[in-house]
């Protein structure tokens, strides 16, 4: 892509954005229409809150012991 074609595309985008800004500044109805149109195409997904997983102290101890065992085995190899 040449620099001239990039500049032409940037100028076109700036002109489009200026037009949209002037429409939004004049009336608030355009913003509502744009959001309604957007939601009709793809409804917004509702994110579920992630539950935090809680380990019991015994489980933590088992995991820690297993990790220490893996480290010892790795250290013994070298």
PDB file of N, CA and C in Angstrom:
ATOM      1  N   UNK A   1       0.845  -1.169   0.000  1.00  0.00           N
ATOM      2  CA  UNK A   1       0.000   0.000   0.000  1.00  0.00           C
ATOM      3  C   UNK A   1       0.893   1.236   0.000  1.00  0.00           C
ATOM      4  N   UNK A   2       0.591   2.164  -0.872  1.00  0.00           N
ATOM      5  CA  UNK A   2       1.410   3.359  -0.938  1.00  0.00           C
ATOM      6  C   UNK A   2       0.958   4.380   0.100  1.00  0.00           C
ATOM      7  N   UNK A   3       1.831   5.301   0.387  1.00  0.00           N
ATOM      8  CA  UNK A   3       1.545   6.335   1.389  1.00  0.00           C
ATOM      9  C   UNK A   3       0.364   7.186   0.954  1.00  0.00           C
ATOM     10  N   UNK A   4       0.267   7.471  -0.344  1.00  0.00           N
ATOM     11  CA  UNK A   4      -0.846   8.292  -0.836  1.00  0.00           C
ATOM     12  C   UNK A   4      -2.196   7.633  -0.580  1.00  0.00           C
ATOM     13  N   UNK A   5      -2.283   6.330  -0.822  1.00  0.00           N
ATOM     14  CA  UNK A   5      -3.559   5.653  -0.607  1.00  0.00           C
ATOM     15  C   UNK A   5      -3.896   5.584   0.883  1.00  0.00           C
ATOM     16  N   UNK A   6      -2.875   5.445   1.729  1.00  0.00           N
ATOM     17  CA  UNK A   6      -3.112   5.446   3.174  1.00  0.00           C
ATOM     18  C   UNK A   6      -3.631   6.806   3.619  1.00  0.00           C
ATOM     19  N   UNK A   7      -3.031   7.871   3.103  1.00  0.00           N
ATOM     20  CA  UNK A   7      -3.475   9.225   3.459  1.00  0.00           C
ATOM     21  C   UNK A   7      -4.900   9.488   2.993  1.00  0.00           C
ATOM     22  N   UNK A   8      -5.260   8.980   1.819  1.00  0.00           N
ATOM     23  CA  UNK A   8      -6.621   9.144   1.311  1.00  0.00           C
ATOM     24  C   UNK A   8      -7.611   8.425   2.223  1.00  0.00           C
ATOM     25  N   UNK A   9      -7.269   7.224   2.667  1.00  0.00           N
ATOM     26  CA  UNK A   9      -8.146   6.475   3.560  1.00  0.00           C
ATOM     27  C   UNK A   9      -8.287   7.160   4.910  1.00  0.00           C
ATOM     28  N   UNK A  10      -7.185   7.700   5.414  1.00  0.00           N
ATOM     29  CA  UNK A  10      -7.239   8.414   6.695  1.00  0.00           C
ATOM     30  C   UNK A  10      -8.111   9.652   6.577  1.00  0.00           C
ATOM     31  N   UNK A  11      -7.966  10.407   5.493  1.00  0.00           N
ATOM     32  CA  UNK A  11      -8.792  11.601   5.284  1.00  0.00           C
ATOM     33  C   UNK A  11     -10.272  11.239   5.185  1.00  0.00           C
ATOM     34  N   UNK A  12     -10.584  10.141   4.508  1.00  0.00           N
ATOM     35  CA  UNK A  12     -11.973   9.709   4.395  1.00  0.00           C
ATOM     36  C   UNK A  12     -12.529   9.325   5.764  1.00  0.00           C
ATOM     37  N   UNK A  13     -11.720   8.647   6.562  1.00  0.00           N
ATOM     38  CA  UNK A  13     -12.159   8.247   7.901  1.00  0.00           C
ATOM     39  C   UNK A  13     -12.373   9.476   8.794  1.00  0.00           C
ATOM     40  N   UNK A  14     -11.482  10.448   8.692  1.00  0.00           N
ATOM     41  CA  UNK A  14     -11.634  11.681   9.475  1.00  0.00           C
ATOM     42  C   UNK A  14     -12.908  12.403   9.078  1.00  0.00           C
ATOM     43  N   UNK A  15     -13.187  12.475   7.794  1.00  0.00           N
ATOM     44  CA  UNK A  15     -14.407  13.132   7.333  1.00  0.00           C
ATOM     45  C   UNK A  15     -15.641  12.413   7.850  1.00  0.00           C
ATOM     46  N   UNK A  16     -15.615  11.085   7.829  1.00  0.00           N
ATOM     47  CA  UNK A  16     -16.741  10.300   8.331  1.00  0.00           C
ATOM     48  C   UNK A  16     -16.930  10.517   9.819  1.00  0.00           C
ATOM     49  N   UNK A  17     -15.848  10.534  10.572  1.00  0.00           N
ATOM     50  CA  UNK A  17     -15.931  10.737  12.021  1.00  0.00           C
ATOM     51  C   UNK A  17     -16.431  12.143  12.363  1.00  0.00           C
ATOM     52  N   UNK A  18     -16.007  13.129  11.592  1.00  0.00           N
ATOM     53  CA  UNK A  18     -16.501  14.494  11.827  1.00  0.00           C
ATOM     54  C   UNK A  18     -18.004  14.567  11.593  1.00  0.00           C
ATOM     55  N   UNK A  19     -18.473  13.888  10.564  1.00  0.00           N
ATOM     56  CA  UNK A  19     -19.897  13.878  10.264  1.00  0.00           C
ATOM     57  C   UNK A  19     -20.675  13.206  11.404  1.00  0.00           C
ATOM     58  N   UNK A  20     -20.186  12.098  11.871  1.00  0.00           N
ATOM     59  CA  UNK A  20     -20.848  11.386  12.968  1.00  0.00           C
ATOM     60  C   UNK A  20     -20.848  12.243  14.220  1.00  0.00           C
ATOM     61  N   UNK A  21     -19.741  12.921  14.504  1.00  0.00           N
ATOM     62  CA  UNK A  21     -19.659  13.769  15.685  1.00  0.00           C
ATOM     63  C   UNK A  21     -20.656  14.909  15.609  1.00  0.00           C
ATOM     64  N   UNK A  22     -20.783  15.515  14.450  1.00  0.00           N
ATOM     65  CA  UNK A  22     -21.736  16.623  14.318  1.00  0.00           C
ATOM     66  C   UNK A  22     -23.170  16.125  14.501  1.00  0.00           C
ATOM     67  N   UNK A  23     -23.467  14.932  13.999  1.00  0.00           N
ATOM     68  CA  UNK A  23     -24.797  14.376  14.196  1.00  0.00           C
ATOM     69  C   UNK A  23     -25.067  14.104  15.671  1.00  0.00           C
ATOM     70  N   UNK A  24     -24.091  13.567  16.355  1.00  0.00           N
ATOM     71  CA  UNK A  24     -24.257  13.261  17.777  1.00  0.00           C
ATOM     72  C   UNK A  24     -24.347  14.538  18.616  1.00  0.00           C
ATOM     73  N   UNK A  25     -23.627  15.559  18.231  1.00  0.00           N
ATOM     74  CA  UNK A  25     -23.645  16.801  18.989  1.00  0.00           C
ATOM     75  C   UNK A  25     -24.983  17.524  18.834  1.00  0.00           C
ATOM     76  N   UNK A  26     -25.626  17.375  17.680  1.00  0.00           N
ATOM     77  CA  UNK A  26     -26.884  18.075  17.430  1.00  0.00           C
ATOM     78  C   UNK A  26     -28.073  17.406  18.094  1.00  0.00           C
ATOM     79  N   UNK A  27     -28.141  16.098  18.054  1.00  0.00           N
ATOM     80  CA  UNK A  27     -29.276  15.398  18.654  1.00  0.00           C
ATOM     81  C   UNK A  27     -28.784  14.179  19.406  1.00  0.00           C
ATOM     82  N   UNK A  28     -29.497  13.828  20.458  1.00  0.00           N
ATOM     83  CA  UNK A  28     -29.168  12.632  21.208  1.00  0.00           C
ATOM     84  C   UNK A  28     -29.852  11.408  20.641  1.00  0.00           C
ATOM     85  N   UNK A  29     -30.764  11.609  19.688  1.00  0.00           N
ATOM     86  CA  UNK A  29     -31.521  10.504  19.119  1.00  0.00           C
ATOM     87  C   UNK A  29     -30.639   9.580  18.297  1.00  0.00           C
ATOM     88  N   UNK A  30     -29.624  10.121  17.665  1.00  0.00           N
ATOM     89  CA  UNK A  30     -28.764   9.314  16.814  1.00  0.00           C
ATOM     90  C   UNK A  30     -28.041   8.274  17.655  1.00  0.00           C
ATOM     91  N   UNK A  31     -27.585   8.657  18.842  1.00  0.00           N
ATOM     92  CA  UNK A  31     -26.863   7.724  19.704  1.00  0.00           C
ATOM     93  C   UNK A  31     -27.758   6.557  20.087  1.00  0.00           C
ATOM     94  N   UNK A  32     -29.023   6.840  20.369  1.00  0.00           N
ATOM     95  CA  UNK A  32     -29.956   5.777  20.731  1.00  0.00           C
ATOM     96  C   UNK A  32     -30.179   4.857  19.548  1.00  0.00           C
ATOM     97  N   UNK A  33     -30.350   5.440  18.377  1.00  0.00           N
ATOM     98  CA  UNK A  33     -30.591   4.624  17.191  1.00  0.00           C
ATOM     99  C   UNK A  33     -29.393   3.745  16.881  1.00  0.00           C
ATOM    100  N   UNK A  34     -28.179   4.275  17.039  1.00  0.00           N
ATOM    101  CA  UNK A  34     -26.998   3.482  16.762  1.00  0.00           C
ATOM    102  C   UNK A  34     -26.875   2.325  17.740  1.00  0.00           C
ATOM    103  N   UNK A  35     -27.165   2.554  19.006  1.00  0.00           N
ATOM    104  CA  UNK A  35     -27.041   1.472  19.976  1.00  0.00           C
ATOM    105  C   UNK A  35     -28.139   0.438  19.776  1.00  0.00           C
ATOM    106  N   UNK A  36     -29.340   0.866  19.421  1.00  0.00           N
ATOM    107  CA  UNK A  36     -30.425  -0.090  19.163  1.00  0.00           C
ATOM    108  C   UNK A  36     -30.073  -0.964  17.969  1.00  0.00           C
ATOM    109  N   UNK A  37     -29.525  -0.342  16.976  1.00  0.00           N
ATOM    110  CA  UNK A  37     -29.161  -1.075  15.773  1.00  0.00           C
ATOM    111  C   UNK A  37     -28.068  -2.091  16.088  1.00  0.00           C
ATOM    112  N   UNK A  38     -27.143  -1.696  16.912  1.00  0.00           N
ATOM    113  CA  UNK A  38     -26.044  -2.576  17.257  1.00  0.00           C
ATOM    114  C   UNK A  38     -26.538  -3.776  18.059  1.00  0.00           C
ATOM    115  N   UNK A  39     -27.463  -3.553  18.983  1.00  0.00           N
ATOM    116  CA  UNK A  39     -27.940  -4.641  19.817  1.00  0.00           C
ATOM    117  C   UNK A  39     -28.826  -5.601  19.034  1.00  0.00           C
ATOM    118  N   UNK A  40     -29.473  -5.133  17.984  1.00  0.00           N
ATOM    119  CA  UNK A  40     -30.305  -6.036  17.196  1.00  0.00           C
ATOM    120  C   UNK A  40     -29.451  -7.059  16.465  1.00  0.00           C
ATOM    121  N   UNK A  41     -28.259  -6.650  16.048  1.00  0.00           N
ATOM    122  CA  UNK A  41     -27.389  -7.569  15.321  1.00  0.00           C
ATOM    123  C   UNK A  41     -26.818  -8.635  16.248  1.00  0.00           C
ATOM    124  N   UNK A  42     -26.316  -8.210  17.399  1.00  0.00           N
ATOM    125  CA  UNK A  42     -25.704  -9.157  18.332  1.00  0.00           C
ATOM    126  C   UNK A  42     -26.082  -8.750  19.750  1.00  0.00           C
ATOM    127  N   UNK A  43     -26.944  -9.509  20.379  1.00  0.00           N
ATOM    128  CA  UNK A  43     -27.330  -9.150  21.742  1.00  0.00           C
ATOM    129  C   UNK A  43     -26.128  -9.230  22.678  1.00  0.00           C
ATOM    130  N   UNK A  44     -26.092  -8.310  23.617  1.00  0.00           N
ATOM    131  CA  UNK A  44     -24.973  -8.254  24.548  1.00  0.00           C
ATOM    132  C   UNK A  44     -24.983  -9.490  25.438  1.00  0.00           C
ATOM    133  N   UNK A  45     -23.818 -10.051  25.630  1.00  0.00           N
ATOM    134  CA  UNK A  45     -23.694 -11.235  26.469  1.00  0.00           C
ATOM    135  C   UNK A  45     -23.552 -10.798  27.915  1.00  0.00           C
ATOM    136  N   UNK A  46     -24.218 -11.502  28.776  1.00  0.00           N
ATOM    137  CA  UNK A  46     -24.133 -11.212  30.192  1.00  0.00           C
ATOM    138  C   UNK A  46     -23.025 -12.066  30.774  1.00  0.00           C
ATOM    139  N   UNK A  47     -22.051 -11.406  31.394  1.00  0.00           N
ATOM    140  CA  UNK A  47     -20.945 -12.144  31.978  1.00  0.00           C
ATOM    141  C   UNK A  47     -21.331 -12.609  33.374  1.00  0.00           C
ATOM    142  N   UNK A  48     -21.070 -13.858  33.630  1.00  0.00           N
ATOM    143  CA  UNK A  48     -21.341 -14.409  34.944  1.00  0.00           C
ATOM    144  C   UNK A  48     -20.126 -14.172  35.827  1.00  0.00           C
ATOM    145  N   UNK A  49     -20.387 -13.869  37.081  1.00  0.00           N
ATOM    146  CA  UNK A  49     -19.295 -13.670  38.015  1.00  0.00           C
ATOM    147  C   UNK A  49     -18.624 -15.006  38.293  1.00  0.00           C
ATOM    148  N   UNK A  50     -17.302 -15.020  38.228  1.00  0.00           N
ATOM    149  CA  UNK A  50     -16.571 -16.245  38.485  1.00  0.00           C
ATOM    150  C   UNK A  50     -16.523 -16.490  39.985  1.00  0.00           C
ATOM    151  N   UNK A  51     -16.793 -17.706  40.352  1.00  0.00           N
ATOM    152  CA  UNK A  51     -16.681 -18.074  41.750  1.00  0.00           C
ATOM    153  C   UNK A  51     -15.222 -18.388  42.040  1.00  0.00           C
ATOM    154  N   UNK A  52     -14.748 -17.904  43.168  1.00  0.00           N
ATOM    155  CA  UNK A  52     -13.376 -18.212  43.529  1.00  0.00           C
ATOM    156  C   UNK A  52     -13.329 -19.606  44.140  1.00  0.00           C
ATOM    157  N   UNK A  53     -12.328 -20.342  43.769  1.00  0.00           N
ATOM    158  CA  UNK A  53     -12.194 -21.704  44.259  1.00  0.00           C
ATOM    159  C   UNK A  53     -11.364 -21.680  45.537  1.00  0.00           C
ATOM    160  N   UNK A  54     -11.855 -22.320  46.547  1.00  0.00           N
ATOM    161  CA  UNK A  54     -11.192 -22.343  47.839  1.00  0.00           C
ATOM    162  C   UNK A  54     -10.703 -23.755  48.123  1.00  0.00           C
ATOM    163  N   UNK A  55      -9.409 -23.868  48.443  1.00  0.00           N
ATOM    164  CA  UNK A  55      -8.833 -25.161  48.774  1.00  0.00           C
ATOM    165  C   UNK A  55      -8.791 -25.320  50.279  1.00  0.00           C
ATOM    166  N   UNK A  56      -9.007 -26.527  50.705  1.00  0.00           N
ATOM    167  CA  UNK A  56      -8.892 -26.805  52.138  1.00  0.00           C
ATOM    168  C   UNK A  56      -7.414 -26.817  52.515  1.00  0.00           C
ATOM    169  N   UNK A  57      -7.108 -26.607  53.774  1.00  0.00           N
ATOM    170  CA  UNK A  57      -5.703 -26.656  54.204  1.00  0.00           C
ATOM    171  C   UNK A  57      -5.049 -28.005  53.903  1.00  0.00           C
ATOM    172  N   UNK A  58      -5.822 -29.098  54.010  1.00  0.00           N
ATOM    173  CA  UNK A  58      -5.273 -30.420  53.711  1.00  0.00           C
ATOM    174  C   UNK A  58      -4.896 -30.528  52.229  1.00  0.00           C
ATOM    175  N   UNK A  59      -5.748 -29.992  51.377  1.00  0.00           N
ATOM    176  CA  UNK A  59      -5.464 -30.042  49.937  1.00  0.00           C
ATOM    177  C   UNK A  59      -4.227 -29.217  49.610  1.00  0.00           C
ATOM    178  N   UNK A  60      -4.098 -28.048  50.238  1.00  0.00           N
ATOM    179  CA  UNK A  60      -2.907 -27.223  50.006  1.00  0.00           C
ATOM    180  C   UNK A  60      -1.647 -27.958  50.440  1.00  0.00           C
ATOM    181  N   UNK A  61      -1.728 -28.650  51.565  1.00  0.00           N
ATOM    182  CA  UNK A  61      -0.571 -29.384  52.068  1.00  0.00           C
ATOM    183  C   UNK A  61      -0.203 -30.511  51.106  1.00  0.00           C
ATOM    184  N   UNK A  62      -1.203 -31.232  50.572  1.00  0.00           N
ATOM    185  CA  UNK A  62      -0.920 -32.305  49.616  1.00  0.00           C
ATOM    186  C   UNK A  62      -0.249 -31.749  48.365  1.00  0.00           C
ATOM    187  N   UNK A  63      -0.755 -30.633  47.874  1.00  0.00           N
ATOM    188  CA  UNK A  63      -0.181 -30.025  46.665  1.00  0.00           C
ATOM    189  C   UNK A  63       1.244 -29.569  46.934  1.00  0.00           C
ATOM    190  N   UNK A  64       1.470 -28.929  48.082  1.00  0.00           N
ATOM    191  CA  UNK A  64       2.808 -28.451  48.425  1.00  0.00           C
ATOM    192  C   UNK A  64       3.779 -29.616  48.566  1.00  0.00           C
ATOM    193  N   UNK A  65       3.341 -30.685  49.219  1.00  0.00           N
ATOM    194  CA  UNK A  65       4.210 -31.860  49.380  1.00  0.00           C
ATOM    195  C   UNK A  65       4.546 -32.475  48.031  1.00  0.00           C
ATOM    196  N   UNK A  66       3.568 -32.577  47.156  1.00  0.00           N
ATOM    197  CA  UNK A  66       3.800 -33.140  45.824  1.00  0.00           C
ATOM    198  C   UNK A  66       4.776 -32.272  45.035  1.00  0.00           C
ATOM    199  N   UNK A  67       4.646 -30.942  45.158  1.00  0.00           N
ATOM    200  CA  UNK A  67       5.559 -30.048  44.442  1.00  0.00           C
ATOM    201  C   UNK A  67       6.972 -30.174  44.996  1.00  0.00           C
ATOM    202  N   UNK A  68       7.111 -30.265  46.311  1.00  0.00           N
ATOM    203  CA  UNK A  68       8.442 -30.449  46.907  1.00  0.00           C
ATOM    204  C   UNK A  68       9.071 -31.761  46.426  1.00  0.00           C
ATOM    205  N   UNK A  69       8.242 -32.794  46.298  1.00  0.00           N
ATOM    206  CA  UNK A  69       8.728 -34.084  45.808  1.00  0.00           C
ATOM    207  C   UNK A  69       9.225 -33.956  44.359  1.00  0.00           C
ATOM    208  N   UNK A  70       8.478 -33.202  43.531  1.00  0.00           N
ATOM    209  CA  UNK A  70       8.904 -32.987  42.136  1.00  0.00           C
ATOM    210  C   UNK A  70      10.208 -32.200  42.088  1.00  0.00           C
ATOM    211  N   UNK A  71      10.347 -31.169  42.940  1.00  0.00           N
ATOM    212  CA  UNK A  71      11.582 -30.401  42.970  1.00  0.00           C
ATOM    213  C   UNK A  71      12.759 -31.264  43.403  1.00  0.00           C
ATOM    214  N   UNK A  72      12.528 -32.119  44.397  1.00  0.00           N
ATOM    215  CA  UNK A  72      13.602 -32.998  44.861  1.00  0.00           C
ATOM    216  C   UNK A  72      14.025 -33.953  43.754  1.00  0.00           C
ATOM    217  N   UNK A  73      13.074 -34.490  43.027  1.00  0.00           N
ATOM    218  CA  UNK A  73      13.395 -35.397  41.932  1.00  0.00           C
ATOM    219  C   UNK A  73      14.169 -34.676  40.849  1.00  0.00           C
ATOM    220  N   UNK A  74      13.799 -33.443  40.542  1.00  0.00           N
ATOM    221  CA  UNK A  74      14.481 -32.653  39.529  1.00  0.00           C
ATOM    222  C   UNK A  74      15.912 -32.331  39.980  1.00  0.00           C
ATOM    223  N   UNK A  75      16.044 -32.004  41.261  1.00  0.00           N
ATOM    224  CA  UNK A  75      17.352 -31.676  41.805  1.00  0.00           C
ATOM    225  C   UNK A  75      18.256 -32.913  41.805  1.00  0.00           C
ATOM    226  N   UNK A  76      17.687 -34.088  42.073  1.00  0.00           N
ATOM    227  CA  UNK A  76      18.455 -35.326  42.105  1.00  0.00           C
ATOM    228  C   UNK A  76      18.970 -35.682  40.706  1.00  0.00           C
ATOM    229  N   UNK A  77      18.234 -35.323  39.667  1.00  0.00           N
ATOM    230  CA  UNK A  77      18.676 -35.616  38.298  1.00  0.00           C
ATOM    231  C   UNK A  77      19.908 -34.815  37.936  1.00  0.00           C
ATOM    232  N   UNK A  78      20.007 -33.568  38.424  1.00  0.00           N
ATOM    233  CA  UNK A  78      21.130 -32.720  38.025  1.00  0.00           C
ATOM    234  C   UNK A  78      22.330 -32.873  38.907  1.00  0.00           C
TER     235      UNK A  78
END
